[in-house]
PDB file of N, CA and C in Angstrom:
ATOM      1  N   MET A   1     -83.444  94.061 275.587  1.00  0.00           N
ATOM      2  CA  MET A   1     -83.019  95.432 275.556  1.00  0.00           C
ATOM      3  C   MET A   1     -82.177  95.632 274.286  1.00  0.00           C
ATOM      4  N   PRO A   2     -82.460  96.681 273.461  1.00  0.00           N
ATOM      5  CA  PRO A   2     -81.710  96.897 272.223  1.00  0.00           C
ATOM      6  C   PRO A   2     -80.298  97.386 272.513  1.00  0.00           C
ATOM      7  N   THR A   3     -79.399  96.968 271.677  1.00  0.00           N
ATOM      8  CA  THR A   3     -78.001  97.380 271.849  1.00  0.00           C
ATOM      9  C   THR A   3     -77.687  98.521 270.876  1.00  0.00           C
ATOM     10  N   MET A   4     -76.626  99.253 271.160  1.00  0.00           N
ATOM     11  CA  MET A   4     -76.225 100.408 270.362  1.00  0.00           C
ATOM     12  C   MET A   4     -75.172 100.030 269.310  1.00  0.00           C
ATOM     13  N   THR A   5     -74.835  98.757 269.217  1.00  0.00           N
ATOM     14  CA  THR A   5     -73.774  98.380 268.292  1.00  0.00           C
ATOM     15  C   THR A   5     -74.177  98.610 266.845  1.00  0.00           C
ATOM     16  N   GLY A   6     -75.440  98.466 266.501  1.00  0.00           N
ATOM     17  CA  GLY A   6     -75.888  98.672 265.127  1.00  0.00           C
ATOM     18  C   GLY A   6     -75.704 100.115 264.691  1.00  0.00           C
ATOM     19  N   SER A   7     -76.040 101.085 265.527  1.00  0.00           N
ATOM     20  CA  SER A   7     -75.896 102.488 265.150  1.00  0.00           C
ATOM     21  C   SER A   7     -74.423 102.897 265.123  1.00  0.00           C
ATOM     22  N   ARG A   8     -73.627 102.334 266.003  1.00  0.00           N
ATOM     23  CA  ARG A   8     -72.200 102.651 265.998  1.00  0.00           C
ATOM     24  C   ARG A   8     -71.532 102.115 264.736  1.00  0.00           C
ATOM     25  N   THR A   9     -71.951 100.956 264.303  1.00  0.00           N
ATOM     26  CA  THR A   9     -71.383 100.368 263.101  1.00  0.00           C
ATOM     27  C   THR A   9     -71.725 101.219 261.880  1.00  0.00           C
ATOM     28  N   GLY A  10     -72.954 101.706 261.804  1.00  0.00           N
ATOM     29  CA  GLY A  10     -73.365 102.556 260.689  1.00  0.00           C
ATOM     30  C   GLY A  10     -72.594 103.861 260.675  1.00  0.00           C
ATOM     31  N   ALA A  11     -72.404 104.472 261.830  1.00  0.00           N
ATOM     32  CA  ALA A  11     -71.643 105.717 261.912  1.00  0.00           C
ATOM     33  C   ALA A  11     -70.182 105.476 261.544  1.00  0.00           C
ATOM     34  N   SER A  12     -69.661 104.353 261.970  1.00  0.00           N
ATOM     35  CA  SER A  12     -68.277 104.011 261.660  1.00  0.00           C
ATOM     36  C   SER A  12     -68.096 103.824 260.151  1.00  0.00           C
ATOM     37  N   ARG A  13     -69.077 103.181 259.520  1.00  0.00           N
ATOM     38  CA  ARG A  13     -68.993 102.976 258.068  1.00  0.00           C
ATOM     39  C   ARG A  13     -69.062 104.312 257.325  1.00  0.00           C
ATOM     40  N   ARG A  14     -69.931 105.199 257.798  1.00  0.00           N
ATOM     41  CA  ARG A  14     -70.047 106.511 257.154  1.00  0.00           C
ATOM     42  C   ARG A  14     -68.750 107.294 257.291  1.00  0.00           C
ATOM     43  N   ARG A  15     -68.135 107.214 258.458  1.00  0.00           N
ATOM     44  CA  ARG A  15     -66.878 107.917 258.681  1.00  0.00           C
ATOM     45  C   ARG A  15     -65.781 107.377 257.775  1.00  0.00           C
ATOM     46  N   ARG A  16     -65.700 106.052 257.665  1.00  0.00           N
ATOM     47  CA  ARG A  16     -64.699 105.431 256.798  1.00  0.00           C
ATOM     48  C   ARG A  16     -64.977 105.771 255.338  1.00  0.00           C
ATOM     49  N   GLY A  17     -66.240 105.753 254.950  1.00  0.00           N
ATOM     50  CA  GLY A  17     -66.602 106.090 253.571  1.00  0.00           C
ATOM     51  C   GLY A  17     -66.271 107.542 253.254  1.00  0.00           C
ATOM     52  N   GLY A  18     -66.544 108.445 254.193  1.00  0.00           N
ATOM     53  CA  GLY A  18     -66.209 109.856 254.002  1.00  0.00           C
ATOM     54  C   GLY A  18     -64.710 110.065 253.940  1.00  0.00           C
ATOM     55  N   GLY A  19     -63.975 109.355 254.775  1.00  0.00           N
ATOM     56  CA  GLY A  19     -62.513 109.452 254.755  1.00  0.00           C
ATOM     57  C   GLY A  19     -61.942 108.937 253.444  1.00  0.00           C
ATOM     58  N   ALA A  20     -62.502 107.836 252.948  1.00  0.00           N
ATOM     59  CA  ALA A  20     -62.036 107.286 251.676  1.00  0.00           C
ATOM     60  C   ALA A  20     -62.338 108.258 250.541  1.00  0.00           C
ATOM     61  N   LEU A  21     -63.473 108.939 250.596  1.00  0.00           N
ATOM     62  CA  LEU A  21     -63.829 109.920 249.573  1.00  0.00           C
ATOM     63  C   LEU A  21     -62.848 111.095 249.579  1.00  0.00           C
ATOM     64  N   VAL A  22     -62.504 111.581 250.756  1.00  0.00           N
ATOM     65  CA  VAL A  22     -61.556 112.691 250.874  1.00  0.00           C
ATOM     66  C   VAL A  22     -60.175 112.275 250.359  1.00  0.00           C
ATOM     67  N   VAL A  23     -59.730 111.101 250.720  1.00  0.00           N
ATOM     68  CA  VAL A  23     -58.428 110.604 250.255  1.00  0.00           C
ATOM     69  C   VAL A  23     -58.441 110.451 248.737  1.00  0.00           C
ATOM     70  N   GLY A  24     -59.532 109.932 248.174  1.00  0.00           N
ATOM     71  CA  GLY A  24     -59.643 109.776 246.729  1.00  0.00           C
ATOM     72  C   GLY A  24     -59.595 111.122 246.001  1.00  0.00           C
ATOM     73  N   LEU A  25     -60.284 112.114 246.530  1.00  0.00           N
ATOM     74  CA  LEU A  25     -60.261 113.446 245.922  1.00  0.00           C
ATOM     75  C   LEU A  25     -58.868 114.066 245.990  1.00  0.00           C
ATOM     76  N   CYS A  26     -58.183 113.891 247.116  1.00  0.00           N
ATOM     77  CA  CYS A  26     -56.822 114.424 247.250  1.00  0.00           C
ATOM     78  C   CYS A  26     -55.876 113.763 246.253  1.00  0.00           C
ATOM     79  N   LEU A  27     -56.004 112.465 246.060  1.00  0.00           N
ATOM     80  CA  LEU A  27     -55.156 111.764 245.089  1.00  0.00           C
ATOM     81  C   LEU A  27     -55.453 112.219 243.670  1.00  0.00           C
ATOM     82  N   LEU A  28     -56.726 112.452 243.367  1.00  0.00           N
ATOM     83  CA  LEU A  28     -57.099 112.929 242.041  1.00  0.00           C
ATOM     84  C   LEU A  28     -56.498 114.302 241.771  1.00  0.00           C
ATOM     85  N   LEU A  29     -56.610 115.210 242.724  1.00  0.00           N
ATOM     86  CA  LEU A  29     -56.055 116.553 242.548  1.00  0.00           C
ATOM     87  C   LEU A  29     -54.532 116.525 242.474  1.00  0.00           C
ATOM     88  N   ALA A  30     -53.904 115.690 243.264  1.00  0.00           N
ATOM     89  CA  ALA A  30     -52.446 115.597 243.234  1.00  0.00           C
ATOM     90  C   ALA A  30     -51.969 115.022 241.905  1.00  0.00           C
ATOM     91  N   GLY A  31     -52.695 114.101 241.334  1.00  0.00           N
ATOM     92  CA  GLY A  31     -52.324 113.525 240.049  1.00  0.00           C
ATOM     93  C   GLY A  31     -52.459 114.526 238.916  1.00  0.00           C
ATOM     94  N   CYS A  32     -53.500 115.354 238.952  1.00  0.00           N
ATOM     95  CA  CYS A  32     -53.710 116.342 237.892  1.00  0.00           C
ATOM     96  C   CYS A  32     -52.750 117.522 238.012  1.00  0.00           C
ATOM     97  N   ALA A  33     -52.244 117.787 239.176  1.00  0.00           N
ATOM     98  CA  ALA A  33     -51.360 118.938 239.377  1.00  0.00           C
ATOM     99  C   ALA A  33     -50.003 118.720 238.728  1.00  0.00           C
ATOM    100  N   GLY A  34     -49.613 117.498 238.491  1.00  0.00           N
ATOM    101  CA  GLY A  34     -48.304 117.220 237.938  1.00  0.00           C
ATOM    102  C   GLY A  34     -48.263 117.195 236.417  1.00  0.00           C
ATOM    103  N   VAL A  35     -49.385 117.453 235.745  1.00  0.00           N
ATOM    104  CA  VAL A  35     -49.430 117.399 234.288  1.00  0.00           C
ATOM    105  C   VAL A  35     -48.812 118.677 233.715  1.00  0.00           C
ATOM    106  N   ALA A  36     -47.856 118.525 232.817  1.00  0.00           N
ATOM    107  CA  ALA A  36     -47.221 119.678 232.184  1.00  0.00           C
ATOM    108  C   ALA A  36     -48.011 120.075 230.943  1.00  0.00           C
ATOM    109  N   HIS A  37     -48.323 121.366 230.838  1.00  0.00           N
ATOM    110  CA  HIS A  37     -49.062 121.879 229.692  1.00  0.00           C
ATOM    111  C   HIS A  37     -48.131 122.708 228.827  1.00  0.00           C
ATOM    112  N   GLY A  38     -48.289 122.591 227.536  1.00  0.00           N
ATOM    113  CA  GLY A  38     -47.475 123.352 226.597  1.00  0.00           C
ATOM    114  C   GLY A  38     -47.974 124.787 226.488  1.00  0.00           C
ATOM    115  N   PRO A  39     -47.244 125.623 225.754  1.00  0.00           N
ATOM    116  CA  PRO A  39     -47.659 127.014 225.586  1.00  0.00           C
ATOM    117  C   PRO A  39     -48.944 127.094 224.753  1.00  0.00           C
ATOM    118  N   THR A  40     -49.729 128.129 225.012  1.00  0.00           N
ATOM    119  CA  THR A  40     -50.989 128.300 224.300  1.00  0.00           C
ATOM    120  C   THR A  40     -50.739 128.631 222.832  1.00  0.00           C
ATOM    121  N   TYR A  41     -49.796 129.533 222.557  1.00  0.00           N
ATOM    122  CA  TYR A  41     -49.459 129.935 221.198  1.00  0.00           C
ATOM    123  C   TYR A  41     -47.968 129.755 220.957  1.00  0.00           C
ATOM    124  N   THR A  42     -47.597 129.443 219.724  1.00  0.00           N
ATOM    125  CA  THR A  42     -46.184 129.397 219.358  1.00  0.00           C
ATOM    126  C   THR A  42     -45.718 130.809 219.038  1.00  0.00           C
ATOM    127  N   ASP A  43     -44.409 130.999 218.914  1.00  0.00           N
ATOM    128  CA  ASP A  43     -43.879 132.321 218.580  1.00  0.00           C
ATOM    129  C   ASP A  43     -44.362 132.780 217.208  1.00  0.00           C
ATOM    130  N   ALA A  44     -44.478 131.857 216.270  1.00  0.00           N
ATOM    131  CA  ALA A  44     -44.951 132.213 214.928  1.00  0.00           C
ATOM    132  C   ALA A  44     -46.392 132.713 214.978  1.00  0.00           C
ATOM    133  N   GLU A  45     -47.226 132.059 215.786  1.00  0.00           N
ATOM    134  CA  GLU A  45     -48.617 132.495 215.924  1.00  0.00           C
ATOM    135  C   GLU A  45     -48.701 133.848 216.621  1.00  0.00           C
ATOM    136  N   LEU A  46     -47.877 134.050 217.651  1.00  0.00           N
ATOM    137  CA  LEU A  46     -47.867 135.339 218.344  1.00  0.00           C
ATOM    138  C   LEU A  46     -47.407 136.454 217.418  1.00  0.00           C
ATOM    139  N   LYS A  47     -46.418 136.174 216.573  1.00  0.00           N
ATOM    140  CA  LYS A  47     -45.929 137.169 215.622  1.00  0.00           C
ATOM    141  C   LYS A  47     -47.031 137.539 214.632  1.00  0.00           C
ATOM    142  N   ALA A  48     -47.750 136.548 214.127  1.00  0.00           N
ATOM    143  CA  ALA A  48     -48.836 136.796 213.178  1.00  0.00           C
ATOM    144  C   ALA A  48     -49.952 137.620 213.823  1.00  0.00           C
ATOM    145  N   ILE A  49     -50.303 137.324 215.051  1.00  0.00           N
ATOM    146  CA  ILE A  49     -51.335 138.080 215.774  1.00  0.00           C
ATOM    147  C   ILE A  49     -50.874 139.510 215.981  1.00  0.00           C
ATOM    148  N   CYS A  50     -49.619 139.691 216.362  1.00  0.00           N
ATOM    149  CA  CYS A  50     -49.058 141.017 216.595  1.00  0.00           C
ATOM    150  C   CYS A  50     -49.114 141.858 215.325  1.00  0.00           C
ATOM    151  N   GLU A  51     -48.661 141.294 214.215  1.00  0.00           N
ATOM    152  CA  GLU A  51     -48.640 142.028 212.954  1.00  0.00           C
ATOM    153  C   GLU A  51     -50.046 142.318 212.441  1.00  0.00           C
ATOM    154  N   ARG A  52     -50.975 141.394 212.683  1.00  0.00           N
ATOM    155  CA  ARG A  52     -52.367 141.605 212.280  1.00  0.00           C
ATOM    156  C   ARG A  52     -52.996 142.779 213.029  1.00  0.00           C
ATOM    157  N   GLN A  53     -52.557 142.989 214.266  1.00  0.00           N
ATOM    158  CA  GLN A  53     -53.096 144.077 215.080  1.00  0.00           C
ATOM    159  C   GLN A  53     -52.308 145.373 214.910  1.00  0.00           C
ATOM    160  N   GLY A  54     -51.352 145.408 213.995  1.00  0.00           N
ATOM    161  CA  GLY A  54     -50.612 146.626 213.706  1.00  0.00           C
ATOM    162  C   GLY A  54     -49.397 146.852 214.581  1.00  0.00           C
ATOM    163  N   GLY A  55     -48.889 145.832 215.196  1.00  0.00           N
ATOM    164  CA  GLY A  55     -47.713 145.969 216.056  1.00  0.00           C
ATOM    165  C   GLY A  55     -46.442 145.507 215.370  1.00  0.00           C
ATOM    166  N   TRP A  56     -45.324 145.684 216.058  1.00  0.00           N
ATOM    167  CA  TRP A  56     -44.022 145.225 215.580  1.00  0.00           C
ATOM    168  C   TRP A  56     -43.561 144.103 216.497  1.00  0.00           C
ATOM    169  N   TRP A  57     -43.267 142.970 215.935  1.00  0.00           N
ATOM    170  CA  TRP A  57     -42.842 141.805 216.703  1.00  0.00           C
ATOM    171  C   TRP A  57     -41.406 141.982 217.158  1.00  0.00           C
ATOM    172  N   ARG A  58     -41.183 141.942 218.451  1.00  0.00           N
ATOM    173  CA  ARG A  58     -39.850 142.076 219.033  1.00  0.00           C
ATOM    174  C   ARG A  58     -39.451 140.797 219.770  1.00  0.00           C
ATOM    175  N   GLY A  59     -39.986 139.683 219.311  1.00  0.00           N
ATOM    176  CA  GLY A  59     -39.736 138.404 219.950  1.00  0.00           C
ATOM    177  C   GLY A  59     -38.288 137.960 219.932  1.00  0.00           C
ATOM    178  N   GLU A  60     -37.523 138.481 218.973  1.00  0.00           N
ATOM    179  CA  GLU A  60     -36.108 138.111 218.925  1.00  0.00           C
ATOM    180  C   GLU A  60     -35.333 138.783 220.066  1.00  0.00           C
ATOM    181  N   LEU A  61     -35.732 139.997 220.431  1.00  0.00           N
ATOM    182  CA  LEU A  61     -35.055 140.728 221.510  1.00  0.00           C
ATOM    183  C   LEU A  61     -35.626 140.380 222.882  1.00  0.00           C
ATOM    184  N   ILE A  62     -36.944 140.454 222.983  1.00  0.00           N
ATOM    185  CA  ILE A  62     -37.650 140.148 224.238  1.00  0.00           C
ATOM    186  C   ILE A  62     -38.674 139.062 223.902  1.00  0.00           C
ATOM    187  N   PRO A  63     -38.505 137.866 224.424  1.00  0.00           N
ATOM    188  CA  PRO A  63     -39.397 136.759 224.050  1.00  0.00           C
ATOM    189  C   PRO A  63     -40.875 137.103 224.263  1.00  0.00           C
ATOM    190  N   GLY A  64     -41.655 136.925 223.202  1.00  0.00           N
ATOM    191  CA  GLY A  64     -43.094 137.116 223.277  1.00  0.00           C
ATOM    192  C   GLY A  64     -43.553 138.557 223.332  1.00  0.00           C
ATOM    193  N   PHE A  65     -42.709 139.528 222.941  1.00  0.00           N
ATOM    194  CA  PHE A  65     -43.066 140.937 223.086  1.00  0.00           C
ATOM    195  C   PHE A  65     -43.511 141.527 221.760  1.00  0.00           C
ATOM    196  N   CYS A  66     -44.656 142.201 221.779  1.00  0.00           N
ATOM    197  CA  CYS A  66     -45.199 142.903 220.626  1.00  0.00           C
ATOM    198  C   CYS A  66     -45.263 144.383 220.983  1.00  0.00           C
ATOM    199  N   GLU A  67     -44.660 145.224 220.130  1.00  0.00           N
ATOM    200  CA  GLU A  67     -44.597 146.655 220.417  1.00  0.00           C
ATOM    201  C   GLU A  67     -45.627 147.402 219.574  1.00  0.00           C
ATOM    202  N   PHE A  68     -46.337 148.321 220.216  1.00  0.00           N
ATOM    203  CA  PHE A  68     -47.314 149.156 219.534  1.00  0.00           C
ATOM    204  C   PHE A  68     -46.905 150.608 219.689  1.00  0.00           C
ATOM    205  N   GLN A  69     -47.164 151.406 218.659  1.00  0.00           N
ATOM    206  CA  GLN A  69     -46.894 152.841 218.738  1.00  0.00           C
ATOM    207  C   GLN A  69     -48.068 153.479 219.451  1.00  0.00           C
ATOM    208  N   THR A  70     -47.762 154.269 220.470  1.00  0.00           N
ATOM    209  CA  THR A  70     -48.829 154.922 221.218  1.00  0.00           C
ATOM    210  C   THR A  70     -49.307 156.150 220.464  1.00  0.00           C
ATOM    211  N   ALA A  71     -50.548 156.518 220.682  1.00  0.00           N
ATOM    212  CA  ALA A  71     -51.103 157.699 220.047  1.00  0.00           C
ATOM    213  C   ALA A  71     -50.474 158.931 220.659  1.00  0.00           C
ATOM    214  N   SER A  72     -50.198 159.912 219.808  1.00  0.00           N
ATOM    215  CA  SER A  72     -49.574 161.139 220.277  1.00  0.00           C
ATOM    216  C   SER A  72     -50.585 162.284 220.172  1.00  0.00           C
ATOM    217  N   ILE A  73     -50.726 163.049 221.245  1.00  0.00           N
ATOM    218  CA  ILE A  73     -51.677 164.152 221.262  1.00  0.00           C
ATOM    219  C   ILE A  73     -51.112 165.354 220.497  1.00  0.00           C
ATOM    220  N   SER A  74     -49.902 165.725 220.799  1.00  0.00           N
ATOM    221  CA  SER A  74     -49.332 166.886 220.132  1.00  0.00           C
ATOM    222  C   SER A  74     -48.434 166.450 218.984  1.00  0.00           C
ATOM    223  N   GLN A  75     -48.697 166.964 217.812  1.00  0.00           N
ATOM    224  CA  GLN A  75     -47.886 166.680 216.634  1.00  0.00           C
ATOM    225  C   GLN A  75     -47.037 167.900 216.313  1.00  0.00           C
ATOM    226  N   ALA A  76     -45.743 167.753 216.321  1.00  0.00           N
ATOM    227  CA  ALA A  76     -44.855 168.875 216.016  1.00  0.00           C
ATOM    228  C   ALA A  76     -44.868 169.127 214.508  1.00  0.00           C
ATOM    229  N   PRO A  77     -45.022 170.412 214.072  1.00  0.00           N
ATOM    230  CA  PRO A  77     -45.048 170.693 212.619  1.00  0.00           C
ATOM    231  C   PRO A  77     -43.700 170.553 211.983  1.00  0.00           C
TER     232      PRO A  77
END
C-alpha cells in the first residue's frame, strides 16, 4: 500500500522554499529602503535653470524657490 509521506515531504519543501523566498524579498526591500540619496540638483544648477527660464532666483530667502512674473491682462496706461 503506498504511503503519503512522499507527497507531504514535497509540499513541505515547497512551503519552506516559498517562505524562504518571501523572507529573502523582505530583506532585500528592507536593505534598499535605508539607502540615503542626495539631492537631484544643486542650488547652483537650480539657479541656472531658473534664470534660463526667465525667473528670478530667490534661493537665498526661500531655499530652492524660483519666482516668475505672472502675465497681466489689464495694463494701466
